[in-house]
C-alpha atoms as a PDB file:
ATOM      1  CA  MET A   1      21.167  -9.569  -3.109  1.00  0.00           C
ATOM      2  CA  THR A   2      19.485  -7.263  -5.587  1.00  0.00           C
ATOM      3  CA  GLU A   3      15.972  -6.314  -4.482  1.00  0.00           C
ATOM      4  CA  LEU A   4      14.601  -5.042  -7.796  1.00  0.00           C
ATOM      5  CA  LEU A   5      15.779  -5.263 -11.404  1.00  0.00           C
ATOM      6  CA  ILE A   6      14.543  -2.870 -14.083  1.00  0.00           C
ATOM      7  CA  ASN A   7      15.723  -3.773 -17.601  1.00  0.00           C
ATOM      8  CA  ASN A   8      18.194  -6.197 -15.969  1.00  0.00           C
ATOM      9  CA  LYS A   9      19.824  -3.349 -14.004  1.00  0.00           C
ATOM     10  CA  ASP A  10      19.868  -3.022 -10.237  1.00  0.00           C
ATOM     11  CA  ALA A  11      17.171  -0.388  -9.663  1.00  0.00           C
ATOM     12  CA  PHE A  12      18.830   1.164  -6.632  1.00  0.00           C
ATOM     13  CA  GLU A  13      22.281   1.350  -8.209  1.00  0.00           C
ATOM     14  CA  SER A  14      20.944   2.753 -11.494  1.00  0.00           C
ATOM     15  CA  TYR A  15      18.057   4.989 -10.407  1.00  0.00           C
ATOM     16  CA  ARG A  16      18.161   5.130  -6.566  1.00  0.00           C
ATOM     17  CA  VAL A  17      14.749   3.381  -6.738  1.00  0.00           C
ATOM     18  CA  LYS A  18      13.178   1.027  -4.212  1.00  0.00           C
ATOM     19  CA  MET A  19       9.789  -0.685  -4.212  1.00  0.00           C
ATOM     20  CA  GLY A  20       7.018   1.266  -2.496  1.00  0.00           C
ATOM     21  CA  ASN A  21       4.290  -0.134  -0.237  1.00  0.00           C
ATOM     22  CA  GLY A  22       2.197  -2.751  -2.019  1.00  0.00           C
ATOM     23  CA  PHE A  23       4.604  -3.162  -4.954  1.00  0.00           C
ATOM     24  CA  VAL A  24       4.969  -6.942  -4.656  1.00  0.00           C
ATOM     25  CA  ASP A  25       1.242  -7.458  -4.045  1.00  0.00           C
ATOM     26  CA  ALA A  26       0.389  -5.410  -7.139  1.00  0.00           C
ATOM     27  CA  ILE A  27       2.861  -6.989  -9.550  1.00  0.00           C
ATOM     28  CA  ASP A  28       2.289 -10.540  -8.323  1.00  0.00           C
ATOM     29  CA  ALA A  29      -1.534 -10.401  -8.434  1.00  0.00           C
ATOM     30  CA  PRO A  30      -3.153 -12.856 -10.852  1.00  0.00           C
ATOM     31  CA  ALA A  31      -4.596 -11.713 -14.161  1.00  0.00           C
ATOM     32  CA  ASP A  32      -8.266 -12.187 -15.050  1.00  0.00           C
ATOM     33  CA  TYR A  33      -9.636 -14.663 -17.573  1.00  0.00           C
ATOM     34  CA  LYS A  34     -11.046 -13.599 -20.900  1.00  0.00           C
ATOM     35  CA  ASP A  35     -14.762 -14.236 -21.397  1.00  0.00           C
ATOM     36  CA  TYR A  36     -15.539 -17.770 -22.449  1.00  0.00           C
ATOM     37  CA  VAL A  37     -16.745 -18.484 -25.973  1.00  0.00           C
ATOM     38  CA  SER A  38     -20.507 -18.877 -26.145  1.00  0.00           C
ATOM     39  CA  ASN A  39     -23.223 -19.203 -28.735  1.00  0.00           C
ATOM     40  CA  GLU A  40     -26.933 -18.776 -28.213  1.00  0.00           C
ATOM     41  CA  SER A  41     -29.335 -20.421 -30.652  1.00  0.00           C
ATOM     42  CA  ARG A  42     -33.129 -20.175 -30.781  1.00  0.00           C
ATOM     43  CA  LEU A  43     -33.169 -23.849 -31.750  1.00  0.00           C
ATOM     44  CA  GLU A  44     -31.602 -24.990 -28.431  1.00  0.00           C
ATOM     45  CA  ASN A  45     -32.308 -24.536 -24.742  1.00  0.00           C
ATOM     46  CA  GLY A  46     -29.840 -22.314 -22.938  1.00  0.00           C
ATOM     47  CA  LYS A  47     -26.589 -21.569 -24.708  1.00  0.00           C
ATOM     48  CA  ARG A  48     -23.381 -23.373 -25.585  1.00  0.00           C
ATOM     49  CA  CYS A  49     -20.278 -22.397 -23.631  1.00  0.00           C
ATOM     50  CA  ILE A  50     -16.735 -23.462 -24.351  1.00  0.00           C
ATOM     51  CA  ILE A  51     -14.850 -23.082 -21.102  1.00  0.00           C
ATOM     52  CA  LYS A  52     -11.978 -25.475 -21.772  1.00  0.00           C
ATOM     53  CA  ASP A  53      -8.566 -23.851 -22.245  1.00  0.00           C
ATOM     54  CA  ARG A  54      -9.699 -20.329 -21.273  1.00  0.00           C
ATOM     55  CA  LYS A  55      -7.291 -17.536 -22.121  1.00  0.00           C
ATOM     56  CA  ILE A  56      -5.874 -14.802 -19.896  1.00  0.00           C
ATOM     57  CA  LYS A  57      -6.590 -11.068 -20.365  1.00  0.00           C
ATOM     58  CA  GLU A  58      -3.993  -8.359 -20.507  1.00  0.00           C
ATOM     59  CA  ARG A  59      -3.814  -6.468 -17.236  1.00  0.00           C
ATOM     60  CA  GLU A  60      -3.089  -3.037 -15.889  1.00  0.00           C
ATOM     61  CA  VAL A  61      -0.987  -2.736 -12.766  1.00  0.00           C
ATOM     62  CA  THR A  62       0.015   0.369 -10.793  1.00  0.00           C
ATOM     63  CA  LEU A  63       3.435   0.097  -9.166  1.00  0.00           C
ATOM     64  CA  PRO A  64       4.659   2.419  -6.393  1.00  0.00           C
ATOM     65  CA  PHE A  65       8.322   3.433  -6.587  1.00  0.00           C
ATOM     66  CA  VAL A  66      10.389   5.388  -4.058  1.00  0.00           C
ATOM     67  CA  ILE A  67      13.435   7.387  -5.143  1.00  0.00           C
ATOM     68  CA  ILE A  68      15.937   7.990  -2.342  1.00  0.00           C
ATOM     69  CA  ALA A  69      18.501  10.665  -3.190  1.00  0.00           C
ATOM     70  CA  SER A  70      20.684  13.287  -1.489  1.00  0.00           C
ATOM     71  CA  THR A  71      19.349  16.424  -3.140  1.00  0.00           C
ATOM     72  CA  ARG A  72      16.405  17.613  -5.207  1.00  0.00           C
ATOM     73  CA  ALA A  73      18.676  17.782  -8.266  1.00  0.00           C
ATOM     74  CA  GLU A  74      19.707  14.145  -7.809  1.00  0.00           C
ATOM     75  CA  THR A  75      16.051  13.173  -7.279  1.00  0.00           C
ATOM     76  CA  ASN A  76      15.071  14.838 -10.574  1.00  0.00           C
ATOM     77  CA  GLU A  77      18.018  13.278 -12.387  1.00  0.00           C
ATOM     78  CA  CYS A  78      17.132   9.768 -11.135  1.00  0.00           C
ATOM     79  CA  LYS A  79      13.431  10.249 -11.941  1.00  0.00           C
ATOM     80  CA  ASN A  80      14.175  11.453 -15.473  1.00  0.00           C
ATOM     81  CA  LYS A  81      16.637   8.606 -16.081  1.00  0.00           C
ATOM     82  CA  LEU A  82      14.096   6.020 -14.873  1.00  0.00           C
ATOM     83  CA  LEU A  83      11.259   7.465 -16.959  1.00  0.00           C
ATOM     84  CA  GLY A  84      13.506   7.676 -20.020  1.00  0.00           C
ATOM     85  CA  ASP A  85      14.624   4.055 -19.688  1.00  0.00           C
ATOM     86  CA  ILE A  86      11.094   2.652 -19.321  1.00  0.00           C
ATOM     87  CA  ARG A  87       9.376   4.893 -21.899  1.00  0.00           C
ATOM     88  CA  ASP A  88       9.259   2.252 -24.657  1.00  0.00           C
ATOM     89  CA  GLY A  89       8.581  -0.658 -22.326  1.00  0.00           C
ATOM     90  CA  CYS A  90      10.609  -2.416 -19.678  1.00  0.00           C
ATOM     91  CA  THR A  91      11.227  -5.634 -17.836  1.00  0.00           C
ATOM     92  CA  ILE A  92      10.907  -5.865 -14.058  1.00  0.00           C
ATOM     93  CA  SER A  93      12.167  -8.713 -11.879  1.00  0.00           C
ATOM     94  CA  ILE A  94      12.110  -9.276  -8.122  1.00  0.00           C
ATOM     95  CA  PRO A  95      14.632 -12.105  -7.553  1.00  0.00           C
ATOM     96  CA  ALA A  96      13.711 -12.648  -3.877  1.00  0.00           C
ATOM     97  CA  VAL A  97      10.021 -13.173  -4.701  1.00  0.00           C
ATOM     98  CA  ASN A  98       9.985 -15.294  -7.873  1.00  0.00           C
ATOM     99  CA  SER A  99      11.841 -16.001 -11.107  1.00  0.00           C
ATOM    100  CA  TYR A 100       9.419 -14.065 -13.345  1.00  0.00           C
ATOM    101  CA  THR A 101      10.452 -11.279 -15.670  1.00  0.00           C
ATOM    102  CA  TYR A 102       7.417  -9.032 -16.124  1.00  0.00           C
ATOM    103  CA  LYS A 103       7.230  -7.342 -19.534  1.00  0.00           C
ATOM    104  CA  LEU A 104       5.474  -4.020 -19.020  1.00  0.00           C
ATOM    105  CA  VAL A 105       4.587  -0.892 -20.978  1.00  0.00           C
ATOM    106  CA  PRO A 106       4.009   2.369 -19.065  1.00  0.00           C
ATOM    107  CA  ILE A 107       0.633   3.995 -19.757  1.00  0.00           C
ATOM    108  CA  GLY A 108       0.489   6.787 -17.171  1.00  0.00           C
ATOM    109  CA  TYR A 109       1.243   8.119 -13.733  1.00  0.00           C
ATOM    110  CA  SER A 110      -1.257   8.084 -10.906  1.00  0.00           C
ATOM    111  CA  SER A 111       0.684  10.096  -8.321  1.00  0.00           C
ATOM    112  CA  TYR A 112       3.941  11.920  -7.770  1.00  0.00           C
ATOM    113  CA  HIS A 113       5.236  13.516  -4.577  1.00  0.00           C
ATOM    114  CA  VAL A 114       8.593  14.940  -3.458  1.00  0.00           C
ATOM    115  CA  ASN A 115       9.209  15.766   0.206  1.00  0.00           C
ATOM    116  CA  MET A 116      10.208  19.282   1.354  1.00  0.00           C
ATOM    117  CA  LYS A 117      13.934  18.462   1.402  1.00  0.00           C
ATOM    118  CA  GLY A 118      13.690  17.079  -2.120  1.00  0.00           C
ATOM    119  CA  ASN A 119      15.560  13.888  -1.257  1.00  0.00           C
ATOM    120  CA  LEU A 120      12.610  11.479  -1.181  1.00  0.00           C
ATOM    121  CA  CYS A 121      10.196  10.994  -4.051  1.00  0.00           C
ATOM    122  CA  THR A 122       7.227   8.673  -4.381  1.00  0.00           C
ATOM    123  CA  LEU A 123       5.985   7.882  -7.863  1.00  0.00           C
ATOM    124  CA  LYS A 124       3.182   5.537  -8.915  1.00  0.00           C
ATOM    125  CA  ILE A 125       3.387   4.363 -12.507  1.00  0.00           C
ATOM    126  CA  LYS A 126       0.543   2.577 -14.279  1.00  0.00           C
ATOM    127  CA  PHE A 127       1.680  -0.216 -16.592  1.00  0.00           C
ATOM    128  CA  LEU A 128       0.067  -2.535 -19.113  1.00  0.00           C
ATOM    129  CA  GLU A 129       1.151  -6.170 -19.128  1.00  0.00           C
ATOM    130  CA  PRO A 130       0.009  -7.200 -22.627  1.00  0.00           C
ATOM    131  CA  ASN A 131       0.460 -10.949 -22.071  1.00  0.00           C
ATOM    132  CA  PRO A 132       0.609 -12.075 -18.426  1.00  0.00           C
ATOM    133  CA  THR A 133       1.457 -15.636 -19.489  1.00  0.00           C
ATOM    134  CA  ASP A 134       4.737 -14.451 -21.081  1.00  0.00           C
ATOM    135  CA  ARG A 135       6.961 -14.035 -18.024  1.00  0.00           C
END
């Protein structure tokens, strides 16, 4: 069974990518609520708050990826292919965890490390999920 899908492609077959430590916890964490609507009037005690049907905020999530390759050249090739394919946004699915398809936009990188042999690379990518209710 496929562990991770990126843009509906098997991540390991396409990019030699696996999920890093904490990947599932990070992507599956709940999003926060937007502030409730309120109005404060000098003519009334307290303030009015509308808390029914609260909306969900966009969220930022940092996902750890691990690239497992044979050589440093293959590691670089897989990394560049992955980054190129997600540049304008991507979908990520984890079939064993849930049926969601997360729609994400990359906004930065928080860490990058390649081991001395060059065959193992860890990469943390920060994403924006503009609408967490659209999965």
